[in-house]
PDB file of N, CA and C in Angstrom:
ATOM      1  N   GLN A   1      92.661  83.565 103.068  1.00  0.00           N
ATOM      2  CA  GLN A   1      93.989  83.563 102.457  1.00  0.00           C
ATOM      3  C   GLN A   1      94.562  84.983 102.489  1.00  0.00           C
ATOM      4  N   VAL A   2      95.777  85.089 102.988  1.00  0.00           N
ATOM      5  CA  VAL A   2      96.424  86.392 103.080  1.00  0.00           C
ATOM      6  C   VAL A   2      97.076  86.736 101.735  1.00  0.00           C
ATOM      7  N   ARG A   3      96.837  87.947 101.307  1.00  0.00           N
ATOM      8  CA  ARG A   3      97.463  88.420 100.067  1.00  0.00           C
ATOM      9  C   ARG A   3      98.005  89.815 100.272  1.00  0.00           C
ATOM     10  N   LEU A   4      99.230  90.031  99.822  1.00  0.00           N
ATOM     11  CA  LEU A   4      99.847  91.346  99.775  1.00  0.00           C
ATOM     12  C   LEU A   4     100.261  91.557  98.321  1.00  0.00           C
ATOM     13  N   VAL A   5      99.701  92.574  97.697  1.00  0.00           N
ATOM     14  CA  VAL A   5      99.951  92.798  96.273  1.00  0.00           C
ATOM     15  C   VAL A   5     100.519  94.189  96.075  1.00  0.00           C
ATOM     16  N   GLU A   6     101.776  94.232  95.651  1.00  0.00           N
ATOM     17  CA  GLU A   6     102.450  95.506  95.421  1.00  0.00           C
ATOM     18  C   GLU A   6     102.211  96.007  94.000  1.00  0.00           C
ATOM     19  N   SER A   7     102.278  97.323  93.853  1.00  0.00           N
ATOM     20  CA  SER A   7     102.191  97.938  92.531  1.00  0.00           C
ATOM     21  C   SER A   7     102.886  99.288  92.583  1.00  0.00           C
ATOM     22  N   GLY A   8     103.076  99.876  91.415  1.00  0.00           N
ATOM     23  CA  GLY A   8     103.648 101.217  91.352  1.00  0.00           C
ATOM     24  C   GLY A   8     105.093 101.255  90.902  1.00  0.00           C
ATOM     25  N   GLY A   9     105.727 100.098  90.801  1.00  0.00           N
ATOM     26  CA  GLY A   9     107.103 100.089  90.334  1.00  0.00           C
ATOM     27  C   GLY A   9     107.205 100.560  88.892  1.00  0.00           C
ATOM     28  N   ASP A  10     108.311 101.219  88.577  1.00  0.00           N
ATOM     29  CA  ASP A  10     108.470 101.779  87.235  1.00  0.00           C
ATOM     30  C   ASP A  10     109.939 102.103  87.018  1.00  0.00           C
ATOM     31  N   SER A  11     110.244 102.576  85.821  1.00  0.00           N
ATOM     32  CA  SER A  11     111.586 103.039  85.484  1.00  0.00           C
ATOM     33  C   SER A  11     111.555 104.553  85.399  1.00  0.00           C
ATOM     34  N   VAL A  12     112.361 105.213  86.223  1.00  0.00           N
ATOM     35  CA  VAL A  12     112.417 106.674  86.219  1.00  0.00           C
ATOM     36  C   VAL A  12     113.862 107.124  86.311  1.00  0.00           C
ATOM     37  N   GLN A  13     114.068 108.379  86.018  1.00  0.00           N
ATOM     38  CA  GLN A  13     115.416 108.928  86.113  1.00  0.00           C
ATOM     39  C   GLN A  13     115.730 109.348  87.539  1.00  0.00           C
ATOM     40  N   ALA A  14     117.001 109.386  87.834  1.00  0.00           N
ATOM     41  CA  ALA A  14     117.449 109.854  89.146  1.00  0.00           C
ATOM     42  C   ALA A  14     116.901 111.251  89.404  1.00  0.00           C
ATOM     43  N   GLY A  15     116.480 111.457  90.647  1.00  0.00           N
ATOM     44  CA  GLY A  15     115.881 112.724  91.018  1.00  0.00           C
ATOM     45  C   GLY A  15     114.372 112.707  90.956  1.00  0.00           C
ATOM     46  N   GLY A  16     113.820 111.695  90.320  1.00  0.00           N
ATOM     47  CA  GLY A  16     112.382 111.590  90.182  1.00  0.00           C
ATOM     48  C   GLY A  16     111.708 110.993  91.403  1.00  0.00           C
ATOM     49  N   SER A  17     110.409 110.743  91.275  1.00  0.00           N
ATOM     50  CA  SER A  17     109.600 110.216  92.378  1.00  0.00           C
ATOM     51  C   SER A  17     108.750 109.040  91.908  1.00  0.00           C
ATOM     52  N   LEU A  18     108.442 108.179  92.838  1.00  0.00           N
ATOM     53  CA  LEU A  18     107.507 107.081  92.611  1.00  0.00           C
ATOM     54  C   LEU A  18     106.713 106.857  93.879  1.00  0.00           C
ATOM     55  N   ARG A  19     105.533 106.316  93.702  1.00  0.00           N
ATOM     56  CA  ARG A  19     104.706 105.944  94.856  1.00  0.00           C
ATOM     57  C   ARG A  19     104.328 104.485  94.708  1.00  0.00           C
ATOM     58  N   LEU A  20     104.771 103.687  95.648  1.00  0.00           N
ATOM     59  CA  LEU A  20     104.438 102.272  95.659  1.00  0.00           C
ATOM     60  C   LEU A  20     103.225 102.031  96.550  1.00  0.00           C
ATOM     61  N   SER A  21     102.426 101.053  96.177  1.00  0.00           N
ATOM     62  CA  SER A  21     101.269 100.673  96.983  1.00  0.00           C
ATOM     63  C   SER A  21     101.292  99.177  97.238  1.00  0.00           C
ATOM     64  N   CYS A  22     100.695  98.783  98.338  1.00  0.00           N
ATOM     65  CA  CYS A  22     100.555  97.375  98.680  1.00  0.00           C
ATOM     66  C   CYS A  22      99.152  97.185  99.232  1.00  0.00           C
ATOM     67  N   VAL A  23      98.334  96.468  98.490  1.00  0.00           N
ATOM     68  CA  VAL A  23      96.974  96.179  98.936  1.00  0.00           C
ATOM     69  C   VAL A  23      96.991  94.883  99.728  1.00  0.00           C
ATOM     70  N   VAL A  24      96.436  94.946 100.915  1.00  0.00           N
ATOM     71  CA  VAL A  24      96.499  93.824 101.848  1.00  0.00           C
ATOM     72  C   VAL A  24      95.099  93.246 102.048  1.00  0.00           C
ATOM     73  N   SER A  25      95.000  91.940 102.029  1.00  0.00           N
ATOM     74  CA  SER A  25      93.720  91.297 102.307  1.00  0.00           C
ATOM     75  C   SER A  25      93.949  90.003 103.069  1.00  0.00           C
ATOM     76  N   GLY A  26      92.947  89.614 103.843  1.00  0.00           N
ATOM     77  CA  GLY A  26      92.990  88.328 104.524  1.00  0.00           C
ATOM     78  C   GLY A  26      93.697  88.306 105.860  1.00  0.00           C
ATOM     79  N   LEU A  27      94.234  89.442 106.309  1.00  0.00           N
ATOM     80  CA  LEU A  27      94.896  89.449 107.606  1.00  0.00           C
ATOM     81  C   LEU A  27      93.831  89.367 108.699  1.00  0.00           C
ATOM     82  N   ASN A  28      94.021  88.455 109.638  1.00  0.00           N
ATOM     83  CA  ASN A  28      92.992  88.291 110.665  1.00  0.00           C
ATOM     84  C   ASN A  28      93.494  88.606 112.060  1.00  0.00           C
ATOM     85  N   HIS A  29      94.732  89.015 112.192  1.00  0.00           N
ATOM     86  CA  HIS A  29      95.230  89.457 113.488  1.00  0.00           C
ATOM     87  C   HIS A  29      94.810  90.902 113.688  1.00  0.00           C
ATOM     88  N   THR A  30      94.792  91.350 114.925  1.00  0.00           N
ATOM     89  CA  THR A  30      94.292  92.703 115.163  1.00  0.00           C
ATOM     90  C   THR A  30      95.346  93.774 114.916  1.00  0.00           C
ATOM     91  N   THR A  31      96.606  93.465 115.157  1.00  0.00           N
ATOM     92  CA  THR A  31      97.650  94.467 114.972  1.00  0.00           C
ATOM     93  C   THR A  31      98.794  93.883 114.162  1.00  0.00           C
ATOM     94  N   TYR A  32      99.349  94.723 113.300  1.00  0.00           N
ATOM     95  CA  TYR A  32     100.446  94.296 112.438  1.00  0.00           C
ATOM     96  C   TYR A  32     101.487  95.388 112.311  1.00  0.00           C
ATOM     97  N   CYS A  33     102.719  94.962 112.136  1.00  0.00           N
ATOM     98  CA  CYS A  33     103.780  95.838 111.684  1.00  0.00           C
ATOM     99  C   CYS A  33     103.890  95.620 110.181  1.00  0.00           C
ATOM    100  N   MET A  34     103.847  96.709 109.422  1.00  0.00           N
ATOM    101  CA  MET A  34     103.984  96.617 107.969  1.00  0.00           C
ATOM    102  C   MET A  34     105.331  97.209 107.568  1.00  0.00           C
ATOM    103  N   THR A  35     106.027  96.514 106.707  1.00  0.00           N
ATOM    104  CA  THR A  35     107.379  96.923 106.339  1.00  0.00           C
ATOM    105  C   THR A  35     107.598  96.822 104.837  1.00  0.00           C
ATOM    106  N   TRP A  36     108.334  97.771 104.307  1.00  0.00           N
ATOM    107  CA  TRP A  36     108.822  97.700 102.937  1.00  0.00           C
ATOM    108  C   TRP A  36     110.282  97.236 102.987  1.00  0.00           C
ATOM    109  N   PHE A  37     110.570  96.209 102.199  1.00  0.00           N
ATOM    110  CA  PHE A  37     111.941  95.748 101.989  1.00  0.00           C
ATOM    111  C   PHE A  37     112.287  95.955 100.523  1.00  0.00           C
ATOM    112  N   ARG A  38     113.568  95.926 100.230  1.00  0.00           N
ATOM    113  CA  ARG A  38     113.994  95.971  98.832  1.00  0.00           C
ATOM    114  C   ARG A  38     115.234  95.090  98.659  1.00  0.00           C
ATOM    115  N   GLN A  39     115.420  94.663  97.429  1.00  0.00           N
ATOM    116  CA  GLN A  39     116.600  93.868  97.102  1.00  0.00           C
ATOM    117  C   GLN A  39     117.060  94.218  95.705  1.00  0.00           C
ATOM    118  N   GLY A  40     118.261  94.758  95.606  1.00  0.00           N
ATOM    119  CA  GLY A  40     118.851  95.069  94.323  1.00  0.00           C
ATOM    120  C   GLY A  40     119.681  93.904  93.819  1.00  0.00           C
ATOM    121  N   ALA A  41     120.090  93.989  92.576  1.00  0.00           N
ATOM    122  CA  ALA A  41     120.907  92.933  91.986  1.00  0.00           C
ATOM    123  C   ALA A  41     122.200  92.793  92.795  1.00  0.00           C
ATOM    124  N   SER A  42     122.541  91.569  93.097  1.00  0.00           N
ATOM    125  CA  SER A  42     123.774  91.267  93.830  1.00  0.00           C
ATOM    126  C   SER A  42     123.842  91.961  95.183  1.00  0.00           C
ATOM    127  N   LYS A  43     122.680  92.268  95.757  1.00  0.00           N
ATOM    128  CA  LYS A  43     122.648  92.913  97.064  1.00  0.00           C
ATOM    129  C   LYS A  43     121.796  92.100  98.024  1.00  0.00           C
ATOM    130  N   ASP A  44     122.078  92.253  99.309  1.00  0.00           N
ATOM    131  CA  ASP A  44     121.245  91.625 100.320  1.00  0.00           C
ATOM    132  C   ASP A  44     119.924  92.368 100.437  1.00  0.00           C
ATOM    133  N   ARG A  45     118.926  91.673 100.949  1.00  0.00           N
ATOM    134  CA  ARG A  45     117.653  92.326 101.202  1.00  0.00           C
ATOM    135  C   ARG A  45     117.847  93.409 102.264  1.00  0.00           C
ATOM    136  N   GLU A  46     117.194  94.547 102.063  1.00  0.00           N
ATOM    137  CA  GLU A  46     117.335  95.688 102.971  1.00  0.00           C
ATOM    138  C   GLU A  46     115.965  96.149 103.450  1.00  0.00           C
ATOM    139  N   GLY A  47     115.832  96.333 104.734  1.00  0.00           N
ATOM    140  CA  GLY A  47     114.619  96.922 105.269  1.00  0.00           C
ATOM    141  C   GLY A  47     114.615  98.403 104.982  1.00  0.00           C
ATOM    142  N   VAL A  48     113.550  98.907 104.377  1.00  0.00           N
ATOM    143  CA  VAL A  48     113.487 100.300 103.943  1.00  0.00           C
ATOM    144  C   VAL A  48     112.720 101.162 104.931  1.00  0.00           C
ATOM    145  N   ALA A  49     111.520 100.732 105.285  1.00  0.00           N
ATOM    146  CA  ALA A  49     110.680 101.524 106.181  1.00  0.00           C
ATOM    147  C   ALA A  49     109.616 100.626 106.788  1.00  0.00           C
ATOM    148  N   SER A  50     109.236 100.944 108.005  1.00  0.00           N
ATOM    149  CA  SER A  50     108.184 100.180 108.660  1.00  0.00           C
ATOM    150  C   SER A  50     107.216 101.125 109.363  1.00  0.00           C
ATOM    151  N   ILE A  51     106.007 100.625 109.597  1.00  0.00           N
ATOM    152  CA  ILE A  51     104.984 101.395 110.293  1.00  0.00           C
ATOM    153  C   ILE A  51     104.175 100.440 111.157  1.00  0.00           C
ATOM    154  N   ASP A  52     103.964 100.817 112.414  1.00  0.00           N
ATOM    155  CA  ASP A  52     103.205  99.923 113.280  1.00  0.00           C
ATOM    156  C   ASP A  52     101.739 100.345 113.319  1.00  0.00           C
ATOM    157  N   ASP A  53     100.993  99.646 114.127  1.00  0.00           N
ATOM    158  CA  ASP A  53      99.549  99.871 114.144  1.00  0.00           C
ATOM    159  C   ASP A  53      99.182 101.252 114.671  1.00  0.00           C
ATOM    160  N   ASP A  54     100.082 101.859 115.445  1.00  0.00           N
ATOM    161  CA  ASP A  54      99.828 103.203 115.968  1.00  0.00           C
ATOM    162  C   ASP A  54     100.365 104.289 115.043  1.00  0.00           C
ATOM    163  N   GLY A  55     100.911 103.881 113.914  1.00  0.00           N
ATOM    164  CA  GLY A  55     101.417 104.854 112.956  1.00  0.00           C
ATOM    165  C   GLY A  55     102.848 105.293 113.185  1.00  0.00           C
ATOM    166  N   ARG A  56     103.537 104.659 114.122  1.00  0.00           N
ATOM    167  CA  ARG A  56     104.941 105.003 114.348  1.00  0.00           C
ATOM    168  C   ARG A  56     105.781 104.425 113.223  1.00  0.00           C
ATOM    169  N   THR A  57     106.672 105.246 112.701  1.00  0.00           N
ATOM    170  CA  THR A  57     107.453 104.865 111.532  1.00  0.00           C
ATOM    171  C   THR A  57     108.943 104.772 111.843  1.00  0.00           C
ATOM    172  N   THR A  58     109.612 103.918 111.070  1.00  0.00           N
ATOM    173  CA  THR A  58     111.056 103.774 111.151  1.00  0.00           C
ATOM    174  C   THR A  58     111.590 103.699 109.737  1.00  0.00           C
ATOM    175  N   TYR A  59     112.754 104.314 109.503  1.00  0.00           N
ATOM    176  CA  TYR A  59     113.349 104.337 108.172  1.00  0.00           C
ATOM    177  C   TYR A  59     114.806 103.896 108.224  1.00  0.00           C
ATOM    178  N   ALA A  60     115.226 103.266 107.134  1.00  0.00           N
ATOM    179  CA  ALA A  60     116.646 103.008 106.965  1.00  0.00           C
ATOM    180  C   ALA A  60     117.345 104.349 106.760  1.00  0.00           C
ATOM    181  N   SER A  61     118.565 104.445 107.225  1.00  0.00           N
ATOM    182  CA  SER A  61     119.292 105.711 107.099  1.00  0.00           C
ATOM    183  C   SER A  61     119.473 106.102 105.636  1.00  0.00           C
ATOM    184  N   SER A  62     119.516 105.105 104.763  1.00  0.00           N
ATOM    185  CA  SER A  62     119.747 105.372 103.339  1.00  0.00           C
ATOM    186  C   SER A  62     118.561 106.063 102.668  1.00  0.00           C
ATOM    187  N   VAL A  63     117.387 106.023 103.296  1.00  0.00           N
ATOM    188  CA  VAL A  63     116.204 106.614 102.673  1.00  0.00           C
ATOM    189  C   VAL A  63     115.562 107.704 103.523  1.00  0.00           C
ATOM    190  N   LYS A  64     116.049 107.893 104.732  1.00  0.00           N
ATOM    191  CA  LYS A  64     115.440 108.863 105.636  1.00  0.00           C
ATOM    192  C   LYS A  64     115.473 110.249 105.014  1.00  0.00           C
ATOM    193  N   GLY A  65     114.328 110.913 105.071  1.00  0.00           N
ATOM    194  CA  GLY A  65     114.211 112.239 104.479  1.00  0.00           C
ATOM    195  C   GLY A  65     113.786 112.225 103.027  1.00  0.00           C
ATOM    196  N   ARG A  66     113.843 111.060 102.399  1.00  0.00           N
ATOM    197  CA  ARG A  66     113.440 110.952 100.992  1.00  0.00           C
ATOM    198  C   ARG A  66     112.190 110.090 100.814  1.00  0.00           C
ATOM    199  N   PHE A  67     112.045 109.080 101.646  1.00  0.00           N
ATOM    200  CA  PHE A  67     110.916 108.156 101.544  1.00  0.00           C
ATOM    201  C   PHE A  67     109.952 108.390 102.698  1.00  0.00           C
ATOM    202  N   THR A  68     108.664 108.145 102.421  1.00  0.00           N
ATOM    203  CA  THR A  68     107.640 108.243 103.464  1.00  0.00           C
ATOM    204  C   THR A  68     106.720 107.028 103.378  1.00  0.00           C
ATOM    205  N   ILE A  69     106.619 106.311 104.474  1.00  0.00           N
ATOM    206  CA  ILE A  69     105.710 105.173 104.539  1.00  0.00           C
ATOM    207  C   ILE A  69     104.407 105.628 105.180  1.00  0.00           C
ATOM    208  N   SER A  70     103.299 105.106 104.679  1.00  0.00           N
ATOM    209  CA  SER A  70     101.999 105.456 105.249  1.00  0.00           C
ATOM    210  C   SER A  70     101.036 104.299 104.999  1.00  0.00           C
ATOM    211  N   LYS A  71      99.913 104.365 105.670  1.00  0.00           N
ATOM    212  CA  LYS A  71      98.904 103.338 105.440  1.00  0.00           C
ATOM    213  C   LYS A  71      97.520 103.947 105.542  1.00  0.00           C
ATOM    214  N   ASP A  72      96.610 103.380 104.799  1.00  0.00           N
ATOM    215  CA  ASP A  72      95.217 103.791 104.811  1.00  0.00           C
ATOM    216  C   ASP A  72      94.414 102.562 105.206  1.00  0.00           C
ATOM    217  N   ASN A  73      94.040 102.493 106.464  1.00  0.00           N
ATOM    218  CA  ASN A  73      93.336 101.309 106.952  1.00  0.00           C
ATOM    219  C   ASN A  73      91.985 101.126 106.275  1.00  0.00           C
ATOM    220  N   SER A  74      91.341 102.224 105.879  1.00  0.00           N
ATOM    221  CA  SER A  74      90.029 102.120 105.230  1.00  0.00           C
ATOM    222  C   SER A  74      90.133 101.449 103.863  1.00  0.00           C
ATOM    223  N   LYS A  75      91.327 101.541 103.263  1.00  0.00           N
ATOM    224  CA  LYS A  75      91.531 100.937 101.942  1.00  0.00           C
ATOM    225  C   LYS A  75      92.462  99.730 102.008  1.00  0.00           C
ATOM    226  N   ASN A  76      92.854  99.349 103.240  1.00  0.00           N
ATOM    227  CA  ASN A  76      93.776  98.213 103.422  1.00  0.00           C
ATOM    228  C   ASN A  76      95.010  98.355 102.537  1.00  0.00           C
ATOM    229  N   THR A  77      95.541  99.558 102.503  1.00  0.00           N
ATOM    230  CA  THR A  77      96.648  99.847 101.601  1.00  0.00           C
ATOM    231  C   THR A  77      97.828 100.443 102.352  1.00  0.00           C
ATOM    232  N   LEU A  78      98.985  99.911 102.056  1.00  0.00           N
ATOM    233  CA  LEU A  78     100.253 100.437 102.542  1.00  0.00           C
ATOM    234  C   LEU A  78     100.924 101.160 101.378  1.00  0.00           C
ATOM    235  N   SER A  79     101.530 102.308 101.657  1.00  0.00           N
ATOM    236  CA  SER A  79     102.161 103.079 100.581  1.00  0.00           C
ATOM    237  C   SER A  79     103.597 103.433 100.937  1.00  0.00           C
ATOM    238  N   LEU A  80     104.370 103.709  99.898  1.00  0.00           N
ATOM    239  CA  LEU A  80     105.732 104.200 100.080  1.00  0.00           C
ATOM    240  C   LEU A  80     105.955 105.291  99.041  1.00  0.00           C
ATOM    241  N   GLN A  81     106.003 106.528  99.502  1.00  0.00           N
ATOM    242  CA  GLN A  81     106.301 107.652  98.637  1.00  0.00           C
ATOM    243  C   GLN A  81     107.808 107.813  98.585  1.00  0.00           C
ATOM    244  N   MET A  82     108.362 107.753  97.389  1.00  0.00           N
ATOM    245  CA  MET A  82     109.803 107.812  97.221  1.00  0.00           C
ATOM    246  C   MET A  82     110.162 109.041  96.388  1.00  0.00           C
ATOM    247  N   ASN A  83     110.894 109.956  96.973  1.00  0.00           N
ATOM    248  CA  ASN A  83     111.316 111.180  96.295  1.00  0.00           C
ATOM    249  C   ASN A  83     112.835 111.221  96.180  1.00  0.00           C
ATOM    250  N   SER A  84     113.308 112.105  95.326  1.00  0.00           N
ATOM    251  CA  SER A  84     114.759 112.276  95.131  1.00  0.00           C
ATOM    252  C   SER A  84     115.437 110.929  94.923  1.00  0.00           C
ATOM    253  N   LEU A  85     114.886 110.163  94.033  1.00  0.00           N
ATOM    254  CA  LEU A  85     115.370 108.802  93.829  1.00  0.00           C
ATOM    255  C   LEU A  85     116.798 108.786  93.296  1.00  0.00           C
ATOM    256  N   LYS A  86     117.543 107.775  93.730  1.00  0.00           N
ATOM    257  CA  LYS A  86     118.929 107.595  93.327  1.00  0.00           C
ATOM    258  C   LYS A  86     119.089 106.265  92.600  1.00  0.00           C
ATOM    259  N   VAL A  87     120.141 106.136  91.846  1.00  0.00           N
ATOM    260  CA  VAL A  87     120.399 104.896  91.120  1.00  0.00           C
ATOM    261  C   VAL A  87     120.454 103.720  92.093  1.00  0.00           C
ATOM    262  N   GLU A  88     121.017 103.954  93.261  1.00  0.00           N
ATOM    263  CA  GLU A  88     121.150 102.872  94.240  1.00  0.00           C
ATOM    264  C   GLU A  88     119.816 102.468  94.876  1.00  0.00           C
ATOM    265  N   ASP A  89     118.740 103.179  94.572  1.00  0.00           N
ATOM    266  CA  ASP A  89     117.410 102.764  95.033  1.00  0.00           C
ATOM    267  C   ASP A  89     116.816 101.684  94.135  1.00  0.00           C
ATOM    268  N   THR A  90     117.484 101.367  93.055  1.00  0.00           N
ATOM    269  CA  THR A  90     117.004 100.343  92.139  1.00  0.00           C
ATOM    270  C   THR A  90     116.884  98.996  92.837  1.00  0.00           C
ATOM    271  N   GLY A  91     115.788  98.305  92.554  1.00  0.00           N
ATOM    272  CA  GLY A  91     115.615  96.983  93.131  1.00  0.00           C
ATOM    273  C   GLY A  91     114.169  96.550  93.121  1.00  0.00           C
ATOM    274  N   MET A  92     113.955  95.326  93.583  1.00  0.00           N
ATOM    275  CA  MET A  92     112.598  94.819  93.766  1.00  0.00           C
ATOM    276  C   MET A  92     112.151  95.222  95.159  1.00  0.00           C
ATOM    277  N   TYR A  93     110.982  95.812  95.237  1.00  0.00           N
ATOM    278  CA  TYR A  93     110.434  96.279  96.503  1.00  0.00           C
ATOM    279  C   TYR A  93     109.290  95.362  96.935  1.00  0.00           C
ATOM    280  N   TYR A  94     109.374  94.926  98.181  1.00  0.00           N
ATOM    281  CA  TYR A  94     108.392  94.004  98.739  1.00  0.00           C
ATOM    282  C   TYR A  94     107.726  94.620  99.966  1.00  0.00           C
ATOM    283  N   CYS A  95     106.431  94.374 100.117  1.00  0.00           N
ATOM    284  CA  CYS A  95     105.805  94.706 101.386  1.00  0.00           C
ATOM    285  C   CYS A  95     105.637  93.415 102.184  1.00  0.00           C
ATOM    286  N   ALA A  96     105.684  93.554 103.490  1.00  0.00           N
ATOM    287  CA  ALA A  96     105.618  92.399 104.369  1.00  0.00           C
ATOM    288  C   ALA A  96     104.860  92.775 105.629  1.00  0.00           C
ATOM    289  N   ALA A  97     104.252  91.764 106.245  1.00  0.00           N
ATOM    290  CA  ALA A  97     103.462  91.984 107.449  1.00  0.00           C
ATOM    291  C   ALA A  97     103.910  91.057 108.565  1.00  0.00           C
ATOM    292  N   LEU A  98     103.924  91.596 109.772  1.00  0.00           N
ATOM    293  CA  LEU A  98     104.288  90.838 110.960  1.00  0.00           C
ATOM    294  C   LEU A  98     103.218  91.075 112.010  1.00  0.00           C
ATOM    295  N   ALA A  99     102.579  90.005 112.462  1.00  0.00           N
ATOM    296  CA  ALA A  99     101.543  90.141 113.478  1.00  0.00           C
ATOM    297  C   ALA A  99     102.162  90.532 114.809  1.00  0.00           C
ATOM    298  N   GLY A 100     101.475  91.452 115.492  1.00  0.00           N
ATOM    299  CA  GLY A 100     101.957  91.829 116.811  1.00  0.00           C
ATOM    300  C   GLY A 100     101.913  93.324 117.019  1.00  0.00           C
ATOM    301  N   VAL A 101     102.278  93.721 118.228  1.00  0.00           N
ATOM    302  CA  VAL A 101     102.280  95.138 118.595  1.00  0.00           C
ATOM    303  C   VAL A 101     103.665  95.718 118.354  1.00  0.00           C
ATOM    304  N   GLY A 102     103.724  96.840 117.676  1.00  0.00           N
ATOM    305  CA  GLY A 102     104.999  97.481 117.415  1.00  0.00           C
ATOM    306  C   GLY A 102     105.768  96.812 116.301  1.00  0.00           C
ATOM    307  N   CYS A 103     106.871  97.444 115.924  1.00  0.00           N
ATOM    308  CA  CYS A 103     107.735  96.896 114.878  1.00  0.00           C
ATOM    309  C   CYS A 103     109.111  96.588 115.454  1.00  0.00           C
ATOM    310  N   PRO A 104     109.714  95.504 115.001  1.00  0.00           N
ATOM    311  CA  PRO A 104     111.095  95.221 115.434  1.00  0.00           C
ATOM    312  C   PRO A 104     112.047  96.235 114.826  1.00  0.00           C
ATOM    313  N   PRO A 105     113.252  96.336 115.368  1.00  0.00           N
ATOM    314  CA  PRO A 105     114.226  97.270 114.789  1.00  0.00           C
ATOM    315  C   PRO A 105     114.487  96.951 113.324  1.00  0.00           C
ATOM    316  N   LEU A 106     114.682  97.984 112.544  1.00  0.00           N
ATOM    317  CA  LEU A 106     114.896  97.823 111.098  1.00  0.00           C
ATOM    318  C   LEU A 106     116.392  97.694 110.827  1.00  0.00           C
ATOM    319  N   VAL A 107     116.983  96.700 111.466  1.00  0.00           N
ATOM    320  CA  VAL A 107     118.410  96.455 111.307  1.00  0.00           C
ATOM    321  C   VAL A 107     118.628  94.960 111.146  1.00  0.00           C
ATOM    322  N   LYS A 108     119.742  94.592 110.544  1.00  0.00           N
ATOM    323  CA  LYS A 108     120.060  93.185 110.364  1.00  0.00           C
ATOM    324  C   LYS A 108     120.547  92.581 111.678  1.00  0.00           C
ATOM    325  N   PRO A 109     120.250  91.336 111.940  1.00  0.00           N
ATOM    326  CA  PRO A 109     119.407  90.458 111.131  1.00  0.00           C
ATOM    327  C   PRO A 109     117.933  90.810 111.316  1.00  0.00           C
ATOM    328  N   TYR A 110     117.219  90.894 110.220  1.00  0.00           N
ATOM    329  CA  TYR A 110     115.820  91.306 110.280  1.00  0.00           C
ATOM    330  C   TYR A 110     114.954  90.214 110.898  1.00  0.00           C
ATOM    331  N   HIS A 111     113.947  90.662 111.609  1.00  0.00           N
ATOM    332  CA  HIS A 111     112.980  89.739 112.194  1.00  0.00           C
ATOM    333  C   HIS A 111     112.227  89.049 111.065  1.00  0.00           C
ATOM    334  N   ASP A 112     111.950  87.758 111.230  1.00  0.00           N
ATOM    335  CA  ASP A 112     111.149  87.054 110.222  1.00  0.00           C
ATOM    336  C   ASP A 112     109.770  87.676 110.132  1.00  0.00           C
ATOM    337  N   MET A 113     109.299  87.892 108.913  1.00  0.00           N
ATOM    338  CA  MET A 113     107.966  88.435 108.686  1.00  0.00           C
ATOM    339  C   MET A 113     106.994  87.285 108.431  1.00  0.00           C
ATOM    340  N   ASP A 114     105.723  87.522 108.748  1.00  0.00           N
ATOM    341  CA  ASP A 114     104.730  86.468 108.599  1.00  0.00           C
ATOM    342  C   ASP A 114     104.243  86.325 107.157  1.00  0.00           C
ATOM    343  N   TYR A 115     104.123  87.445 106.456  1.00  0.00           N
ATOM    344  CA  TYR A 115     103.560  87.420 105.099  1.00  0.00           C
ATOM    345  C   TYR A 115     104.354  88.365 104.201  1.00  0.00           C
ATOM    346  N   TRP A 116     104.456  87.958 102.938  1.00  0.00           N
ATOM    347  CA  TRP A 116     105.194  88.743 101.948  1.00  0.00           C
ATOM    348  C   TRP A 116     104.391  88.880 100.667  1.00  0.00           C
ATOM    349  N   GLY A 117     104.579  90.012 100.008  1.00  0.00           N
ATOM    350  CA  GLY A 117     104.087  90.143  98.653  1.00  0.00           C
ATOM    351  C   GLY A 117     105.126  89.628  97.670  1.00  0.00           C
ATOM    352  N   LYS A 118     104.805  89.693  96.388  1.00  0.00           N
ATOM    353  CA  LYS A 118     105.709  89.177  95.363  1.00  0.00           C
ATOM    354  C   LYS A 118     106.634  90.242  94.808  1.00  0.00           C
ATOM    355  N   GLY A 119     106.374  91.499  95.166  1.00  0.00           N
ATOM    356  CA  GLY A 119     107.294  92.553  94.795  1.00  0.00           C
ATOM    357  C   GLY A 119     106.892  93.349  93.575  1.00  0.00           C
ATOM    358  N   THR A 120     107.465  94.549  93.493  1.00  0.00           N
ATOM    359  CA  THR A 120     107.296  95.417  92.339  1.00  0.00           C
ATOM    360  C   THR A 120     108.661  96.025  92.028  1.00  0.00           C
ATOM    361  N   LEU A 121     109.012  96.111  90.748  1.00  0.00           N
ATOM    362  CA  LEU A 121     110.361  96.481  90.342  1.00  0.00           C
ATOM    363  C   LEU A 121     110.502  97.986  90.153  1.00  0.00           C
ATOM    364  N   VAL A 122     111.519  98.531  90.785  1.00  0.00           N
ATOM    365  CA  VAL A 122     111.863  99.946  90.661  1.00  0.00           C
ATOM    366  C   VAL A 122     113.241 100.040  89.996  1.00  0.00           C
ATOM    367  N   THR A 123     113.312 100.778  88.906  1.00  0.00           N
ATOM    368  CA  THR A 123     114.576 100.965  88.195  1.00  0.00           C
ATOM    369  C   THR A 123     114.848 102.456  88.062  1.00  0.00           C
ATOM    370  N   ILE A 124     115.987 102.873  88.579  1.00  0.00           N
ATOM    371  CA  ILE A 124     116.378 104.276  88.527  1.00  0.00           C
ATOM    372  C   ILE A 124     117.602 104.400  87.627  1.00  0.00           C
ATOM    373  N   SER A 125     117.492 105.248  86.623  1.00  0.00           N
ATOM    374  CA  SER A 125     118.592 105.448  85.688  1.00  0.00           C
ATOM    375  C   SER A 125     119.237 106.815  85.914  1.00  0.00           C
ATOM    376  N   SER A 126     120.498 106.880  85.568  1.00  0.00           N
ATOM    377  CA  SER A 126     121.247 108.141  85.768  1.00  0.00           C
ATOM    378  C   SER A 126     121.071 109.077  84.592  1.00  0.00           C
TER     379      SER A 126
END
């Protein structure tokens, strides 16, 4: 059974930092694209950052330079370091996995992902 479990969401003030984690288990394909998505209230889901099996990363323009996606294969963990947080970063953050080589473009319409976590809530106050 595949499980993606996010954690690390919290309420912080603008300008602060958070580190999200996603522990992955049960994946049986050899290569995956891992992606962080987010969805704020009354907003469409947005692709935030992705990382492929070779460690190549892609970021949404709204977070480039502030967020860093990484993974630790030894711990089956995907992370998202978020710095200089803004009120508009508020939302539910989800990690997702897509079997295959490389990552699709991080633009709409987003490629369907194979597996999703249930999300962790990030709230940024001014």
